[in-house]
């Protein structure tokens, strides 16, 4: 499914999808939204039905780049491999395995046993 990046077209398409289901098509608009893109401008009256639809659509949206928060620094920028861009921590099962192994290596080094395999 291709999604338009033209904000005016996006708004028009959304209104066209939602409007046929408005239980009170003659309702007085509660607001209006004006969108400008380049030299084009569109103002859309927002009925109560359209306002609810917009609110639900926006609250349901999840950014594809949202992979949660870093357990180390709380940052929200985890890459595709669950590596925190802010502090470097690696998350997920692989990250947990690597963290545990790194802790073992640090313990062994502190005990004077570098390179020892448990």
C-alpha atoms as a PDB file:
ATOM      1  CA  UNK A   1       0.000   0.000   0.000  1.00  0.00           C
ATOM      2  CA  UNK A   2       1.481   3.321  -1.056  1.00  0.00           C
ATOM      3  CA  UNK A   3       1.001   6.261   1.287  1.00  0.00           C
ATOM      4  CA  UNK A   4       1.013   9.787  -0.086  1.00  0.00           C
ATOM      5  CA  UNK A   5       3.356  12.262   1.556  1.00  0.00           C
ATOM      6  CA  UNK A   6       1.379  15.261   0.266  1.00  0.00           C
ATOM      7  CA  UNK A   7      -0.301  16.541   3.459  1.00  0.00           C
ATOM      8  CA  UNK A   8      -3.233  18.059   1.590  1.00  0.00           C
ATOM      9  CA  UNK A   9      -3.899  14.832  -0.320  1.00  0.00           C
ATOM     10  CA  UNK A  10      -3.587  12.830   2.904  1.00  0.00           C
ATOM     11  CA  UNK A  11      -6.157  15.020   4.647  1.00  0.00           C
ATOM     12  CA  UNK A  12      -8.538  14.894   1.667  1.00  0.00           C
ATOM     13  CA  UNK A  13      -8.277  11.086   1.504  1.00  0.00           C
ATOM     14  CA  UNK A  14      -8.885  10.730   5.237  1.00  0.00           C
ATOM     15  CA  UNK A  15     -11.936  13.000   5.139  1.00  0.00           C
ATOM     16  CA  UNK A  16     -13.284  11.081   2.128  1.00  0.00           C
ATOM     17  CA  UNK A  17     -12.915   7.759   3.987  1.00  0.00           C
ATOM     18  CA  UNK A  18     -14.535   9.000   7.206  1.00  0.00           C
ATOM     19  CA  UNK A  19     -17.318  11.333   6.021  1.00  0.00           C
ATOM     20  CA  UNK A  20     -19.727   8.667   4.664  1.00  0.00           C
ATOM     21  CA  UNK A  21     -20.030   7.195   8.167  1.00  0.00           C
ATOM     22  CA  UNK A  22     -20.821  10.451   9.981  1.00  0.00           C
ATOM     23  CA  UNK A  23     -24.034   9.800  11.939  1.00  0.00           C
ATOM     24  CA  UNK A  24     -24.823  13.545  11.891  1.00  0.00           C
ATOM     25  CA  UNK A  25     -23.597  14.879   8.527  1.00  0.00           C
ATOM     26  CA  UNK A  26     -25.229  18.247   9.179  1.00  0.00           C
ATOM     27  CA  UNK A  27     -23.398  18.785  12.475  1.00  0.00           C
ATOM     28  CA  UNK A  28     -21.866  22.171  13.088  1.00  0.00           C
ATOM     29  CA  UNK A  29     -18.075  22.002  12.766  1.00  0.00           C
ATOM     30  CA  UNK A  30     -16.248  22.284  16.088  1.00  0.00           C
ATOM     31  CA  UNK A  31     -13.005  23.468  14.494  1.00  0.00           C
ATOM     32  CA  UNK A  32     -11.216  23.769  11.198  1.00  0.00           C
ATOM     33  CA  UNK A  33      -7.786  22.664  10.053  1.00  0.00           C
ATOM     34  CA  UNK A  34      -5.795  24.536   7.458  1.00  0.00           C
ATOM     35  CA  UNK A  35      -2.970  22.690   5.724  1.00  0.00           C
ATOM     36  CA  UNK A  36      -0.511  24.403   3.394  1.00  0.00           C
ATOM     37  CA  UNK A  37       1.926  22.685   1.080  1.00  0.00           C
ATOM     38  CA  UNK A  38       3.856  24.912  -1.263  1.00  0.00           C
ATOM     39  CA  UNK A  39       1.356  27.289  -2.849  1.00  0.00           C
ATOM     40  CA  UNK A  40      -1.632  25.004  -2.126  1.00  0.00           C
ATOM     41  CA  UNK A  41      -3.795  25.557   0.929  1.00  0.00           C
ATOM     42  CA  UNK A  42      -6.812  23.569   2.079  1.00  0.00           C
ATOM     43  CA  UNK A  43      -9.115  24.331   5.006  1.00  0.00           C
ATOM     44  CA  UNK A  44     -11.261  21.483   6.263  1.00  0.00           C
ATOM     45  CA  UNK A  45     -14.170  21.938   8.664  1.00  0.00           C
ATOM     46  CA  UNK A  46     -13.896  19.437  11.522  1.00  0.00           C
ATOM     47  CA  UNK A  47     -17.199  17.923  12.628  1.00  0.00           C
ATOM     48  CA  UNK A  48     -17.437  16.024  15.926  1.00  0.00           C
ATOM     49  CA  UNK A  49     -17.326  12.729  13.985  1.00  0.00           C
ATOM     50  CA  UNK A  50     -14.226  13.768  12.036  1.00  0.00           C
ATOM     51  CA  UNK A  51     -12.573  15.033  15.248  1.00  0.00           C
ATOM     52  CA  UNK A  52     -13.102  11.626  16.911  1.00  0.00           C
ATOM     53  CA  UNK A  53     -11.781   9.835  13.829  1.00  0.00           C
ATOM     54  CA  UNK A  54      -8.669  12.046  13.741  1.00  0.00           C
ATOM     55  CA  UNK A  55      -8.064  11.557  17.462  1.00  0.00           C
ATOM     56  CA  UNK A  56      -8.365   7.770  17.152  1.00  0.00           C
ATOM     57  CA  UNK A  57      -6.153   7.632  14.073  1.00  0.00           C
ATOM     58  CA  UNK A  58      -3.445   9.742  15.683  1.00  0.00           C
ATOM     59  CA  UNK A  59      -3.501   7.879  18.997  1.00  0.00           C
ATOM     60  CA  UNK A  60      -3.317   4.508  17.213  1.00  0.00           C
ATOM     61  CA  UNK A  61      -0.294   5.511  15.128  1.00  0.00           C
ATOM     62  CA  UNK A  62       3.004   3.873  16.060  1.00  0.00           C
ATOM     63  CA  UNK A  63       6.187   4.973  14.364  1.00  0.00           C
ATOM     64  CA  UNK A  64       7.925   2.050  12.621  1.00  0.00           C
ATOM     65  CA  UNK A  65      11.206   3.205  14.190  1.00  0.00           C
ATOM     66  CA  UNK A  66       9.776   2.858  17.729  1.00  0.00           C
ATOM     67  CA  UNK A  67      11.571  -0.103  19.276  1.00  0.00           C
ATOM     68  CA  UNK A  68      10.953   0.876  22.883  1.00  0.00           C
ATOM     69  CA  UNK A  69      13.208   2.556  25.412  1.00  0.00           C
ATOM     70  CA  UNK A  70      16.774   1.758  26.384  1.00  0.00           C
ATOM     71  CA  UNK A  71      16.953   0.034  29.751  1.00  0.00           C
ATOM     72  CA  UNK A  72      20.294   1.741  30.345  1.00  0.00           C
ATOM     73  CA  UNK A  73      19.771   5.424  29.550  1.00  0.00           C
ATOM     74  CA  UNK A  74      16.035   5.593  28.806  1.00  0.00           C
ATOM     75  CA  UNK A  75      16.704   6.863  25.277  1.00  0.00           C
ATOM     76  CA  UNK A  76      14.216   6.072  22.523  1.00  0.00           C
ATOM     77  CA  UNK A  77      16.680   5.562  19.663  1.00  0.00           C
ATOM     78  CA  UNK A  78      17.218   1.822  19.284  1.00  0.00           C
ATOM     79  CA  UNK A  79      18.385   0.801  15.820  1.00  0.00           C
ATOM     80  CA  UNK A  80      17.233  -2.259  13.809  1.00  0.00           C
ATOM     81  CA  UNK A  81      19.576  -4.451  15.873  1.00  0.00           C
ATOM     82  CA  UNK A  82      18.232  -3.050  19.184  1.00  0.00           C
ATOM     83  CA  UNK A  83      21.492  -1.205  19.735  1.00  0.00           C
ATOM     84  CA  UNK A  84      20.988   2.085  21.643  1.00  0.00           C
ATOM     85  CA  UNK A  85      22.304   4.938  19.534  1.00  0.00           C
ATOM     86  CA  UNK A  86      22.634   7.140  22.643  1.00  0.00           C
ATOM     87  CA  UNK A  87      24.563   4.943  25.124  1.00  0.00           C
ATOM     88  CA  UNK A  88      25.621   1.890  23.087  1.00  0.00           C
ATOM     89  CA  UNK A  89      23.732  -0.757  25.059  1.00  0.00           C
ATOM     90  CA  UNK A  90      22.560  -3.770  23.056  1.00  0.00           C
ATOM     91  CA  UNK A  91      19.039  -4.984  23.857  1.00  0.00           C
ATOM     92  CA  UNK A  92      17.074  -8.159  23.209  1.00  0.00           C
ATOM     93  CA  UNK A  93      18.183 -11.746  23.719  1.00  0.00           C
ATOM     94  CA  UNK A  94      21.504 -11.239  21.943  1.00  0.00           C
ATOM     95  CA  UNK A  95      22.162  -8.122  23.983  1.00  0.00           C
ATOM     96  CA  UNK A  96      21.444 -10.014  27.203  1.00  0.00           C
ATOM     97  CA  UNK A  97      23.822 -12.847  26.233  1.00  0.00           C
ATOM     98  CA  UNK A  98      26.571 -10.380  25.312  1.00  0.00           C
ATOM     99  CA  UNK A  99      26.035  -8.403  28.554  1.00  0.00           C
ATOM    100  CA  UNK A 100      26.290 -11.544  30.684  1.00  0.00           C
ATOM    101  CA  UNK A 101      29.433 -12.694  28.879  1.00  0.00           C
ATOM    102  CA  UNK A 102      31.008  -9.250  29.225  1.00  0.00           C
ATOM    103  CA  UNK A 103      30.237  -9.297  32.976  1.00  0.00           C
ATOM    104  CA  UNK A 104      31.888 -12.730  33.281  1.00  0.00           C
ATOM    105  CA  UNK A 105      34.990 -11.502  31.436  1.00  0.00           C
ATOM    106  CA  UNK A 106      35.190  -8.415  33.697  1.00  0.00           C
ATOM    107  CA  UNK A 107      34.870 -10.613  36.822  1.00  0.00           C
ATOM    108  CA  UNK A 108      37.574 -12.986  35.559  1.00  0.00           C
ATOM    109  CA  UNK A 109      39.876 -10.071  34.771  1.00  0.00           C
ATOM    110  CA  UNK A 110      39.287  -8.590  38.229  1.00  0.00           C
ATOM    111  CA  UNK A 111      40.204 -11.963  39.730  1.00  0.00           C
ATOM    112  CA  UNK A 112      43.378 -12.089  37.651  1.00  0.00           C
ATOM    113  CA  UNK A 113      42.111 -14.816  35.297  1.00  0.00           C
ATOM    114  CA  UNK A 114      41.952 -13.024  31.924  1.00  0.00           C
ATOM    115  CA  UNK A 115      40.873 -15.218  29.040  1.00  0.00           C
ATOM    116  CA  UNK A 116      39.503 -17.972  31.251  1.00  0.00           C
ATOM    117  CA  UNK A 117      36.423 -19.708  29.951  1.00  0.00           C
ATOM    118  CA  UNK A 118      33.913 -20.640  32.656  1.00  0.00           C
END
